[in-house]
Amino acid sequence: MTAEEIIKNRQALFSKNYRTAKKVKSLASNLDFEDAVLLMNEMSENYRVLSELFPDNTKEGFDTEALPIIWEEKDKFTKLMLKASDDMTQLASIIEDADDVGGVLTKLMWSNCKACHNRYREEH
């Protein structure tokens, strides 16, 4: 893939994960765990793919909102993407039995989004 294709692919996956996370929240809040779990597993796989979509030749251009610190802290960033993936898998396995659905969503889903945005993405 070209640098442009990689950047556009990762942008699309991050956008998709955000839209999917909002659907997961809605479904889980309505106790529709079966559909929510399917989406959680999809998000988990997307994070694994994303962990590989930051080669050196994609640091700039094509409207990337990724900050240079991603490449300065490549191992930490990759670990965060893999943690997000693992947390989504864990969330899928426990959501139905959670006493506090919102709390577990915050801990295992939204906190990873926030951690990434706060450190590795341009502010809007």
N, C-alpha and C. Protein backbone atom coordinates (compact mmCIF):
# COMPACT_ATOMS: atom_id res chain seq x y z
N MET A 1 0.84 -1.19 0.00
CA MET A 1 0.00 0.00 0.00
C MET A 1 0.88 1.25 0.00
N THR A 2 0.36 2.29 -0.61
CA THR A 2 1.06 3.57 -0.60
C THR A 2 0.84 4.25 0.75
N ALA A 3 1.64 5.27 1.03
CA ALA A 3 1.47 6.03 2.27
C ALA A 3 0.06 6.60 2.35
N GLU A 4 -0.43 7.12 1.24
CA GLU A 4 -1.79 7.68 1.23
C GLU A 4 -2.83 6.62 1.56
N GLU A 5 -2.70 5.45 0.99
CA GLU A 5 -3.66 4.36 1.26
C GLU A 5 -3.60 3.94 2.72
N ILE A 6 -2.41 3.87 3.28
CA ILE A 6 -2.26 3.48 4.69
C ILE A 6 -2.92 4.51 5.59
N ILE A 7 -2.63 5.79 5.34
CA ILE A 7 -3.20 6.86 6.17
C ILE A 7 -4.72 6.85 6.06
N LYS A 8 -5.23 6.76 4.86
CA LYS A 8 -6.69 6.76 4.68
C LYS A 8 -7.32 5.52 5.31
N ASN A 9 -6.63 4.40 5.24
CA ASN A 9 -7.14 3.17 5.85
C ASN A 9 -7.21 3.31 7.37
N ARG A 10 -6.15 3.85 7.98
CA ARG A 10 -6.18 3.98 9.45
C ARG A 10 -7.21 5.02 9.87
N GLN A 11 -7.35 6.11 9.11
CA GLN A 11 -8.39 7.09 9.43
C GLN A 11 -9.78 6.45 9.38
N ALA A 12 -9.99 5.66 8.36
CA ALA A 12 -11.29 4.98 8.21
C ALA A 12 -11.54 4.02 9.37
N LEU A 13 -10.51 3.28 9.77
CA LEU A 13 -10.69 2.32 10.87
C LEU A 13 -10.95 3.03 12.20
N PHE A 14 -10.22 4.12 12.46
CA PHE A 14 -10.47 4.87 13.69
C PHE A 14 -11.89 5.45 13.68
N SER A 15 -12.32 6.00 12.56
CA SER A 15 -13.68 6.54 12.46
C SER A 15 -14.71 5.43 12.65
N LYS A 16 -14.45 4.31 12.03
CA LYS A 16 -15.37 3.17 12.16
C LYS A 16 -15.45 2.72 13.62
N ASN A 17 -14.29 2.63 14.28
CA ASN A 17 -14.31 2.21 15.69
C ASN A 17 -15.09 3.19 16.55
N TYR A 18 -14.97 4.49 16.25
CA TYR A 18 -15.72 5.46 17.03
C TYR A 18 -17.23 5.29 16.82
N ARG A 19 -17.64 5.17 15.59
CA ARG A 19 -19.06 4.96 15.30
C ARG A 19 -19.55 3.64 15.93
N THR A 20 -18.71 2.63 15.86
CA THR A 20 -19.07 1.33 16.42
C THR A 20 -19.15 1.41 17.94
N ALA A 21 -18.25 2.15 18.56
CA ALA A 21 -18.27 2.30 20.02
C ALA A 21 -19.58 2.95 20.46
N LYS A 22 -20.05 3.93 19.72
CA LYS A 22 -21.33 4.56 20.05
C LYS A 22 -22.48 3.55 19.93
N LYS A 23 -22.42 2.68 18.91
CA LYS A 23 -23.43 1.63 18.77
C LYS A 23 -23.34 0.64 19.92
N VAL A 24 -22.11 0.26 20.29
CA VAL A 24 -21.91 -0.67 21.41
C VAL A 24 -22.54 -0.09 22.68
N LYS A 25 -22.29 1.19 22.93
CA LYS A 25 -22.85 1.83 24.12
C LYS A 25 -24.37 1.74 24.10
N SER A 26 -24.95 2.07 22.98
CA SER A 26 -26.41 2.04 22.86
C SER A 26 -26.96 0.62 23.04
N LEU A 27 -26.36 -0.31 22.35
CA LEU A 27 -26.83 -1.70 22.45
C LEU A 27 -26.69 -2.24 23.87
N ALA A 28 -25.52 -2.02 24.47
CA ALA A 28 -25.28 -2.55 25.82
C ALA A 28 -26.20 -1.87 26.83
N SER A 29 -26.44 -0.58 26.65
CA SER A 29 -27.34 0.14 27.56
C SER A 29 -28.76 -0.41 27.47
N ASN A 30 -29.11 -0.91 26.29
CA ASN A 30 -30.44 -1.51 26.09
C ASN A 30 -30.43 -3.02 26.33
N LEU A 31 -29.34 -3.51 26.88
CA LEU A 31 -29.17 -4.92 27.23
C LEU A 31 -29.21 -5.84 26.01
N ASP A 32 -28.87 -5.33 24.86
CA ASP A 32 -28.77 -6.11 23.63
C ASP A 32 -27.31 -6.57 23.49
N PHE A 33 -26.93 -7.50 24.33
CA PHE A 33 -25.54 -7.90 24.44
C PHE A 33 -25.05 -8.72 23.25
N GLU A 34 -25.91 -9.49 22.65
CA GLU A 34 -25.49 -10.32 21.53
C GLU A 34 -24.92 -9.48 20.39
N ASP A 35 -25.66 -8.47 19.99
CA ASP A 35 -25.18 -7.59 18.91
C ASP A 35 -23.99 -6.75 19.37
N ALA A 36 -24.01 -6.31 20.63
CA ALA A 36 -22.90 -5.51 21.16
C ALA A 36 -21.60 -6.31 21.14
N VAL A 37 -21.66 -7.57 21.51
CA VAL A 37 -20.47 -8.42 21.54
C VAL A 37 -19.88 -8.59 20.14
N LEU A 38 -20.73 -8.76 19.16
CA LEU A 38 -20.23 -8.87 17.77
C LEU A 38 -19.44 -7.62 17.39
N LEU A 39 -19.97 -6.46 17.74
CA LEU A 39 -19.29 -5.21 17.43
C LEU A 39 -18.00 -5.03 18.24
N MET A 40 -18.01 -5.48 19.48
CA MET A 40 -16.80 -5.40 20.30
C MET A 40 -15.68 -6.23 19.68
N ASN A 41 -16.03 -7.41 19.19
CA ASN A 41 -15.03 -8.26 18.55
C ASN A 41 -14.50 -7.63 17.26
N GLU A 42 -15.37 -6.96 16.53
CA GLU A 42 -14.95 -6.25 15.33
C GLU A 42 -13.98 -5.12 15.69
N MET A 43 -14.30 -4.38 16.73
CA MET A 43 -13.41 -3.30 17.18
C MET A 43 -12.06 -3.85 17.62
N SER A 44 -12.08 -4.98 18.31
CA SER A 44 -10.84 -5.60 18.75
C SER A 44 -9.93 -5.89 17.56
N GLU A 45 -10.49 -6.47 16.53
CA GLU A 45 -9.70 -6.78 15.33
C GLU A 45 -9.20 -5.50 14.67
N ASN A 46 -10.04 -4.48 14.62
CA ASN A 46 -9.61 -3.21 14.03
C ASN A 46 -8.41 -2.63 14.76
N TYR A 47 -8.39 -2.71 16.08
CA TYR A 47 -7.24 -2.20 16.84
C TYR A 47 -5.97 -2.99 16.51
N ARG A 48 -6.09 -4.28 16.34
CA ARG A 48 -4.92 -5.09 15.95
C ARG A 48 -4.38 -4.63 14.59
N VAL A 49 -5.28 -4.41 13.65
CA VAL A 49 -4.87 -3.92 12.33
C VAL A 49 -4.22 -2.54 12.47
N LEU A 50 -4.84 -1.68 13.25
CA LEU A 50 -4.31 -0.32 13.43
C LEU A 50 -2.90 -0.31 14.01
N SER A 51 -2.60 -1.28 14.84
CA SER A 51 -1.25 -1.32 15.45
C SER A 51 -0.16 -1.46 14.39
N GLU A 52 -0.53 -1.89 13.19
CA GLU A 52 0.44 -2.09 12.10
C GLU A 52 0.39 -0.98 11.05
N LEU A 53 -0.47 0.01 11.22
CA LEU A 53 -0.69 1.00 10.17
C LEU A 53 0.02 2.34 10.41
N PHE A 54 1.17 2.30 11.06
CA PHE A 54 1.93 3.51 11.32
C PHE A 54 3.39 3.36 10.93
N PRO A 55 3.66 2.96 9.68
CA PRO A 55 5.05 2.88 9.24
C PRO A 55 5.65 4.30 9.13
N ASP A 56 6.96 4.38 9.10
CA ASP A 56 7.66 5.66 9.08
C ASP A 56 7.26 6.56 7.92
N ASN A 57 6.89 5.98 6.80
CA ASN A 57 6.56 6.80 5.64
C ASN A 57 5.16 7.42 5.70
N THR A 58 4.48 7.30 6.85
CA THR A 58 3.13 7.86 6.98
C THR A 58 3.05 8.90 8.09
N LYS A 59 4.17 9.54 8.38
CA LYS A 59 4.20 10.52 9.46
C LYS A 59 3.46 11.81 9.12
N GLU A 60 3.35 12.11 7.85
CA GLU A 60 2.69 13.37 7.49
C GLU A 60 2.03 13.24 6.12
N GLY A 61 1.19 14.21 5.86
CA GLY A 61 0.50 14.25 4.58
C GLY A 61 -0.88 13.62 4.64
N PHE A 62 -1.64 13.86 3.62
CA PHE A 62 -2.95 13.24 3.41
C PHE A 62 -3.89 13.44 4.59
N ASP A 63 -3.80 14.63 5.18
CA ASP A 63 -4.69 15.03 6.29
C ASP A 63 -4.59 14.13 7.52
N THR A 64 -3.41 13.56 7.75
CA THR A 64 -3.25 12.76 8.95
C THR A 64 -3.37 13.65 10.18
N GLU A 65 -3.99 13.15 11.20
CA GLU A 65 -4.10 13.86 12.47
C GLU A 65 -3.21 13.20 13.52
N ALA A 66 -2.37 12.30 13.08
CA ALA A 66 -1.46 11.61 13.98
C ALA A 66 -0.30 12.54 14.34
N LEU A 67 0.02 12.59 15.61
CA LEU A 67 1.13 13.43 16.07
C LEU A 67 2.46 12.68 15.95
N PRO A 68 3.56 13.41 15.76
CA PRO A 68 4.89 12.78 15.63
C PRO A 68 5.27 11.89 16.82
N ILE A 69 4.68 12.14 17.97
CA ILE A 69 5.02 11.35 19.16
C ILE A 69 4.71 9.86 18.95
N ILE A 70 3.79 9.55 18.04
CA ILE A 70 3.50 8.13 17.76
C ILE A 70 4.77 7.41 17.35
N TRP A 71 5.56 8.03 16.49
CA TRP A 71 6.77 7.38 15.99
C TRP A 71 7.92 7.49 16.99
N GLU A 72 7.87 8.51 17.85
CA GLU A 72 8.87 8.64 18.92
C GLU A 72 8.63 7.60 20.00
N GLU A 73 7.39 7.25 20.21
CA GLU A 73 7.00 6.27 21.23
C GLU A 73 6.31 5.08 20.57
N LYS A 74 6.88 4.61 19.51
CA LYS A 74 6.24 3.56 18.70
C LYS A 74 5.83 2.34 19.53
N ASP A 75 6.72 1.87 20.40
CA ASP A 75 6.38 0.70 21.22
C ASP A 75 5.20 0.98 22.15
N LYS A 76 5.19 2.15 22.77
CA LYS A 76 4.09 2.50 23.68
C LYS A 76 2.78 2.61 22.91
N PHE A 77 2.84 3.22 21.73
CA PHE A 77 1.63 3.37 20.93
C PHE A 77 1.10 2.00 20.49
N THR A 78 2.00 1.16 20.02
CA THR A 78 1.59 -0.18 19.59
C THR A 78 0.99 -0.95 20.76
N LYS A 79 1.59 -0.83 21.93
CA LYS A 79 1.05 -1.50 23.12
C LYS A 79 -0.34 -0.97 23.46
N LEU A 80 -0.55 0.33 23.28
CA LEU A 80 -1.87 0.89 23.55
C LEU A 80 -2.91 0.33 22.60
N MET A 81 -2.56 0.20 21.32
CA MET A 81 -3.51 -0.37 20.34
C MET A 81 -3.81 -1.83 20.69
N LEU A 82 -2.79 -2.58 21.07
CA LEU A 82 -3.00 -3.99 21.42
C LEU A 82 -3.77 -4.12 22.74
N LYS A 83 -3.53 -3.19 23.67
CA LYS A 83 -4.29 -3.18 24.92
C LYS A 83 -5.76 -2.89 24.61
N ALA A 84 -6.01 -1.93 23.73
CA ALA A 84 -7.39 -1.62 23.35
C ALA A 84 -8.06 -2.85 22.75
N SER A 85 -7.32 -3.57 21.92
CA SER A 85 -7.85 -4.80 21.32
C SER A 85 -8.17 -5.83 22.40
N ASP A 86 -7.24 -6.05 23.30
CA ASP A 86 -7.44 -7.03 24.37
C ASP A 86 -8.59 -6.61 25.30
N ASP A 87 -8.66 -5.31 25.59
CA ASP A 87 -9.74 -4.82 26.46
C ASP A 87 -11.11 -5.03 25.81
N MET A 88 -11.19 -4.87 24.49
CA MET A 88 -12.47 -5.11 23.82
C MET A 88 -12.85 -6.58 23.89
N THR A 89 -11.88 -7.45 23.78
CA THR A 89 -12.13 -8.89 23.91
C THR A 89 -12.61 -9.20 25.33
N GLN A 90 -11.95 -8.60 26.32
CA GLN A 90 -12.34 -8.80 27.71
C GLN A 90 -13.76 -8.25 27.94
N LEU A 91 -14.02 -7.07 27.41
CA LEU A 91 -15.34 -6.47 27.55
C LEU A 91 -16.42 -7.39 26.97
N ALA A 92 -16.14 -7.95 25.81
CA ALA A 92 -17.10 -8.86 25.17
C ALA A 92 -17.40 -10.07 26.06
N SER A 93 -16.40 -10.49 26.82
CA SER A 93 -16.59 -11.69 27.65
C SER A 93 -17.30 -11.41 28.97
N ILE A 94 -17.33 -10.15 29.41
CA ILE A 94 -17.92 -9.87 30.73
C ILE A 94 -19.13 -8.95 30.71
N ILE A 95 -19.40 -8.31 29.58
CA ILE A 95 -20.44 -7.27 29.54
C ILE A 95 -21.79 -7.77 30.02
N GLU A 96 -22.16 -8.96 29.64
CA GLU A 96 -23.50 -9.45 29.99
C GLU A 96 -23.69 -9.64 31.49
N ASP A 97 -22.60 -9.90 32.20
CA ASP A 97 -22.68 -10.13 33.64
C ASP A 97 -22.28 -8.90 34.46
N ALA A 98 -22.01 -7.80 33.81
CA ALA A 98 -21.55 -6.60 34.52
C ALA A 98 -22.68 -5.98 35.34
N ASP A 99 -22.35 -5.61 36.57
CA ASP A 99 -23.32 -4.91 37.41
C ASP A 99 -23.50 -3.46 36.96
N ASP A 100 -22.43 -2.88 36.43
CA ASP A 100 -22.45 -1.49 35.98
C ASP A 100 -21.97 -1.44 34.54
N VAL A 101 -22.91 -1.56 33.61
CA VAL A 101 -22.58 -1.60 32.18
C VAL A 101 -21.83 -0.34 31.76
N GLY A 102 -22.31 0.81 32.17
CA GLY A 102 -21.65 2.07 31.82
C GLY A 102 -20.24 2.14 32.36
N GLY A 103 -20.05 1.70 33.57
CA GLY A 103 -18.72 1.72 34.19
C GLY A 103 -17.73 0.82 33.48
N VAL A 104 -18.18 -0.36 33.11
CA VAL A 104 -17.29 -1.30 32.42
C VAL A 104 -17.00 -0.82 30.99
N LEU A 105 -17.97 -0.17 30.36
CA LEU A 105 -17.72 0.42 29.04
C LEU A 105 -16.68 1.53 29.15
N THR A 106 -16.80 2.36 30.18
CA THR A 106 -15.82 3.43 30.38
C THR A 106 -14.43 2.85 30.62
N LYS A 107 -14.36 1.86 31.48
CA LYS A 107 -13.05 1.30 31.85
C LYS A 107 -12.39 0.57 30.68
N LEU A 108 -13.13 -0.23 29.95
CA LEU A 108 -12.51 -1.10 28.95
C LEU A 108 -12.63 -0.60 27.51
N MET A 109 -13.45 0.41 27.27
CA MET A 109 -13.57 0.91 25.90
C MET A 109 -13.19 2.38 25.83
N TRP A 110 -13.95 3.25 26.48
CA TRP A 110 -13.75 4.69 26.33
C TRP A 110 -12.42 5.16 26.87
N SER A 111 -11.88 4.53 27.90
CA SER A 111 -10.60 4.98 28.46
C SER A 111 -9.46 4.81 27.46
N ASN A 112 -9.54 3.77 26.63
CA ASN A 112 -8.51 3.59 25.60
C ASN A 112 -8.63 4.65 24.51
N CYS A 113 -9.86 4.98 24.14
CA CYS A 113 -10.07 6.05 23.15
C CYS A 113 -9.46 7.35 23.68
N LYS A 114 -9.77 7.65 24.92
CA LYS A 114 -9.29 8.90 25.53
C LYS A 114 -7.77 8.91 25.64
N ALA A 115 -7.18 7.81 26.05
CA ALA A 115 -5.72 7.75 26.19
C ALA A 115 -5.03 8.02 24.87
N CYS A 116 -5.55 7.46 23.81
CA CYS A 116 -4.96 7.65 22.49
C CYS A 116 -5.15 9.09 22.01
N HIS A 117 -6.35 9.60 22.13
CA HIS A 117 -6.64 10.95 21.66
C HIS A 117 -5.83 11.98 22.44
N ASN A 118 -5.71 11.81 23.73
CA ASN A 118 -5.01 12.79 24.57
C ASN A 118 -3.53 12.88 24.23
N ARG A 119 -2.93 11.81 23.79
CA ARG A 119 -1.48 11.80 23.59
C ARG A 119 -1.06 11.77 22.12
N TYR A 120 -1.83 11.13 21.27
CA TYR A 120 -1.35 10.81 19.93
C TYR A 120 -2.12 11.47 18.78
N ARG A 121 -3.10 12.29 19.07
CA ARG A 121 -3.91 12.86 17.99
C ARG A 121 -4.01 14.37 18.15
N GLU A 122 -3.99 15.06 17.01
CA GLU A 122 -4.16 16.51 17.02
C GLU A 122 -5.50 16.86 17.64
N GLU A 123 -5.52 18.02 18.34
CA GLU A 123 -6.79 18.50 18.86
C GLU A 123 -7.63 19.05 17.73
N HIS A 124 -8.92 18.97 17.90
CA HIS A 124 -9.84 19.51 16.89
C HIS A 124 -10.32 20.86 17.30
